[in-house]
N, C-alpha and C. Protein backbone atom coordinates (compact mmCIF):
# COMPACT_ATOMS: atom_id res chain seq x y z
N GLY A 1 102.72 49.60 -102.97
CA GLY A 1 103.46 49.77 -102.96
C GLY A 1 103.31 51.08 -102.99
N ASP A 2 104.05 51.78 -103.35
CA ASP A 2 103.30 53.57 -103.32
C ASP A 2 104.65 54.32 -104.17
N PHE A 3 104.68 55.13 -105.15
CA PHE A 3 105.69 56.20 -105.60
C PHE A 3 106.06 56.69 -104.92
N PHE A 4 107.35 56.12 -104.37
CA PHE A 4 108.11 57.74 -104.01
C PHE A 4 109.64 58.34 -104.35
N GLY A 5 109.70 57.50 -105.31
CA GLY A 5 110.13 59.32 -105.78
C GLY A 5 111.46 58.54 -106.62
N ASP A 6 112.55 58.89 -107.50
CA ASP A 6 113.40 58.84 -108.42
C ASP A 6 114.85 58.43 -108.36
N VAL A 7 115.71 57.61 -108.11
CA VAL A 7 116.95 57.55 -108.15
C VAL A 7 118.13 58.36 -109.09
N GLU A 8 118.53 59.53 -107.56
CA GLU A 8 118.76 60.84 -108.91
C GLU A 8 121.24 60.23 -108.29
N GLU A 9 121.57 59.51 -107.29
CA GLU A 9 122.99 59.22 -107.40
C GLU A 9 123.01 58.50 -106.36
N VAL A 10 123.97 57.75 -106.72
CA VAL A 10 124.50 56.46 -105.33
C VAL A 10 125.49 57.53 -104.45
N ASN A 11 125.57 56.65 -103.08
CA ASN A 11 126.92 57.73 -102.59
C ASN A 11 127.81 56.37 -102.95
N LEU A 12 128.83 56.22 -102.80
CA LEU A 12 130.05 54.85 -103.08
C LEU A 12 130.84 55.83 -101.63
N VAL A 13 131.76 54.23 -100.65
CA VAL A 13 132.32 54.34 -100.30
C VAL A 13 133.18 53.66 -99.91
N ASN A 14 134.59 53.67 -100.39
CA ASN A 14 135.61 53.05 -100.43
C ASN A 14 135.38 51.80 -101.48
N ASN A 15 135.04 52.06 -102.51
CA ASN A 15 133.90 51.11 -103.14
C ASN A 15 132.46 50.33 -102.78
N LYS A 16 132.19 51.10 -101.99
CA LYS A 16 130.53 50.15 -101.30
C LYS A 16 129.68 51.23 -101.40
N ILE A 17 128.96 51.28 -101.60
CA ILE A 17 127.15 51.79 -101.45
C ILE A 17 127.52 52.07 -100.50
N GLU A 18 127.13 53.35 -99.85
CA GLU A 18 126.72 53.57 -98.59
C GLU A 18 125.32 54.28 -98.22
N SER A 19 124.95 55.21 -99.47
CA SER A 19 123.31 55.19 -99.43
C SER A 19 123.01 55.56 -100.88
N TRP A 20 121.31 55.91 -100.97
CA TRP A 20 121.17 56.71 -101.82
C TRP A 20 120.54 58.10 -102.15
N ARG A 21 120.55 58.90 -103.10
CA ARG A 21 119.74 59.84 -102.76
C ARG A 21 118.93 60.10 -103.64
N ILE A 22 117.78 59.69 -103.15
CA ILE A 22 116.03 60.11 -104.18
C ILE A 22 115.81 61.21 -104.28
N LYS A 23 115.08 61.71 -105.24
CA LYS A 23 114.99 62.72 -105.18
C LYS A 23 112.95 62.82 -105.31
N LEU A 24 112.22 63.09 -104.47
CA LEU A 24 111.11 62.55 -104.36
C LEU A 24 109.97 63.17 -105.20
N ASN A 25 108.58 62.68 -104.94
CA ASN A 25 107.64 62.41 -105.93
C ASN A 25 106.67 64.33 -105.30
N SER A 26 106.06 64.83 -105.60
CA SER A 26 105.53 65.97 -104.69
C SER A 26 104.89 65.29 -103.27
N GLN A 27 104.27 63.94 -103.98
CA GLN A 27 103.25 63.62 -102.13
C GLN A 27 104.05 63.51 -101.94
N VAL A 28 104.57 62.51 -101.70
CA VAL A 28 105.60 62.34 -100.74
C VAL A 28 106.81 62.93 -100.34
N SER A 29 107.13 64.64 -101.03
CA SER A 29 107.46 65.63 -100.11
C SER A 29 107.06 65.93 -99.08
N SER A 30 106.18 65.79 -98.85
CA SER A 30 104.92 66.96 -98.38
C SER A 30 105.09 65.83 -96.67
N LEU A 31 105.51 64.63 -96.79
CA LEU A 31 105.77 63.85 -95.55
C LEU A 31 106.76 63.96 -94.66
N PHE A 32 107.43 65.21 -95.86
CA PHE A 32 109.07 65.21 -94.84
C PHE A 32 109.22 66.61 -95.46
N ASN A 33 108.51 67.65 -94.92
CA ASN A 33 108.25 68.90 -95.12
C ASN A 33 108.43 69.80 -96.10
N GLY A 34 108.03 68.83 -97.14
CA GLY A 34 109.12 69.49 -98.58
C GLY A 34 109.91 69.66 -98.98
N ALA A 35 110.78 68.88 -98.40
CA ALA A 35 112.18 68.23 -98.77
C ALA A 35 112.16 68.15 -100.34
N ARG A 36 112.83 68.45 -101.19
CA ARG A 36 113.06 67.89 -102.33
C ARG A 36 113.65 66.62 -102.48
N GLY A 37 114.53 65.90 -101.44
CA GLY A 37 114.76 64.59 -101.73
C GLY A 37 115.16 64.10 -100.46
N VAL A 38 115.67 63.27 -100.20
CA VAL A 38 116.04 62.32 -99.07
C VAL A 38 116.74 61.43 -99.22
N ILE A 39 118.81 61.55 -98.02
CA ILE A 39 118.88 60.02 -98.75
C ILE A 39 119.08 58.44 -97.71
N ILE A 40 119.00 57.76 -98.55
CA ILE A 40 118.52 56.44 -97.49
C ILE A 40 119.71 56.11 -97.32
N PRO A 41 120.04 55.26 -95.95
CA PRO A 41 120.63 54.38 -96.37
C PRO A 41 120.98 53.41 -97.10
N HIS A 42 121.83 52.45 -97.07
CA HIS A 42 121.78 51.21 -97.66
C HIS A 42 121.46 50.87 -97.04
N ASN A 43 121.49 50.50 -95.83
CA ASN A 43 120.97 48.91 -95.23
C ASN A 43 119.86 49.16 -94.61
N PHE A 44 119.77 50.04 -94.92
CA PHE A 44 117.31 50.18 -95.27
C PHE A 44 116.75 50.05 -96.31
N VAL A 45 117.47 50.05 -97.69
CA VAL A 45 116.57 48.97 -98.28
C VAL A 45 117.01 47.90 -98.96
N LYS A 46 115.83 46.56 -99.16
CA LYS A 46 115.95 45.58 -99.10
C LYS A 46 115.93 44.85 -100.54
N SER A 47 115.76 45.57 -101.25
CA SER A 47 116.32 45.08 -102.53
C SER A 47 116.16 45.73 -103.57
N ILE A 48 116.49 45.59 -104.47
CA ILE A 48 117.19 46.44 -106.10
C ILE A 48 116.78 45.85 -107.20
N GLY A 49 115.96 46.60 -107.77
CA GLY A 49 115.58 46.15 -109.18
C GLY A 49 114.74 46.95 -110.39
N GLU A 50 113.65 46.90 -110.90
CA GLU A 50 113.24 48.03 -111.29
C GLU A 50 112.73 49.48 -110.11
N VAL A 51 112.08 48.28 -108.58
CA VAL A 51 111.56 49.71 -107.63
C VAL A 51 112.69 49.12 -106.54
N PHE A 52 112.34 49.86 -106.11
CA PHE A 52 113.51 49.73 -104.52
C PHE A 52 111.70 49.20 -103.60
N ILE A 53 112.87 47.91 -102.54
CA ILE A 53 112.12 48.07 -101.36
C ILE A 53 112.82 48.67 -100.04
N ILE A 54 111.89 49.79 -99.80
CA ILE A 54 112.83 50.06 -98.55
C ILE A 54 112.39 50.06 -97.29
N ASN A 55 112.58 49.61 -96.48
CA ASN A 55 112.36 48.95 -94.81
C ASN A 55 111.36 50.71 -94.37
N PRO A 56 110.39 50.08 -93.85
CA PRO A 56 109.11 51.38 -93.42
C PRO A 56 109.35 52.24 -92.34
N LEU A 57 110.82 51.19 -91.78
CA LEU A 57 111.03 52.19 -90.68
C LEU A 57 111.67 53.39 -90.87
N VAL A 58 111.82 53.98 -92.41
CA VAL A 58 112.55 55.18 -92.63
C VAL A 58 111.07 55.85 -93.14
N MET A 59 110.12 56.00 -92.88
CA MET A 59 108.97 56.61 -93.49
C MET A 59 108.43 57.01 -92.36
N PRO A 60 108.21 58.13 -91.50
CA PRO A 60 107.37 58.94 -91.16
C PRO A 60 106.16 58.55 -90.42
N LYS A 61 105.90 58.23 -88.72
CA LYS A 61 105.00 57.50 -88.51
C LYS A 61 103.55 58.00 -89.15
N GLU A 62 102.97 57.49 -88.91
CA GLU A 62 101.48 58.59 -88.78
C GLU A 62 101.05 60.02 -88.61
N GLN A 63 101.43 59.50 -86.51
CA GLN A 63 101.20 60.39 -85.90
C GLN A 63 101.67 62.00 -86.27
N GLU A 64 103.40 61.37 -86.99
CA GLU A 64 104.46 62.90 -87.34
C GLU A 64 103.90 63.67 -89.22
N ILE A 65 103.12 62.94 -89.48
CA ILE A 65 102.46 63.58 -90.67
C ILE A 65 101.60 64.51 -90.56
N PRO A 66 101.99 66.12 -90.86
CA PRO A 66 101.63 67.53 -90.51
C PRO A 66 100.17 66.86 -91.29
N GLU A 67 98.86 67.63 -90.47
CA GLU A 67 96.91 67.44 -91.51
C GLU A 67 97.13 68.60 -92.29
N PHE A 68 97.12 68.43 -94.07
CA PHE A 68 97.28 69.10 -95.01
C PHE A 68 95.82 69.95 -94.46
N GLN A 69 95.91 71.14 -95.05
CA GLN A 69 94.76 72.67 -94.85
C GLN A 69 95.16 73.36 -96.37
N GLU A 70 93.95 73.06 -95.87
CA GLU A 70 93.43 73.83 -97.50
C GLU A 70 92.81 75.46 -97.48
């Protein structure tokens, strides 16, 4: 897997985890049009430990990734 970012915050609703706020690393940020972070719904998280395993459906498709121009 690839490093996605750091967990900044967990969002709770009625004492249950609803979503996770992730601060993106600079490489992944470019996939999300320069966004500094994203909110991942908890139902997309497959495993939690020292690392998160996130359902690949939340990542942009290859066709959606803009080409890098120098």
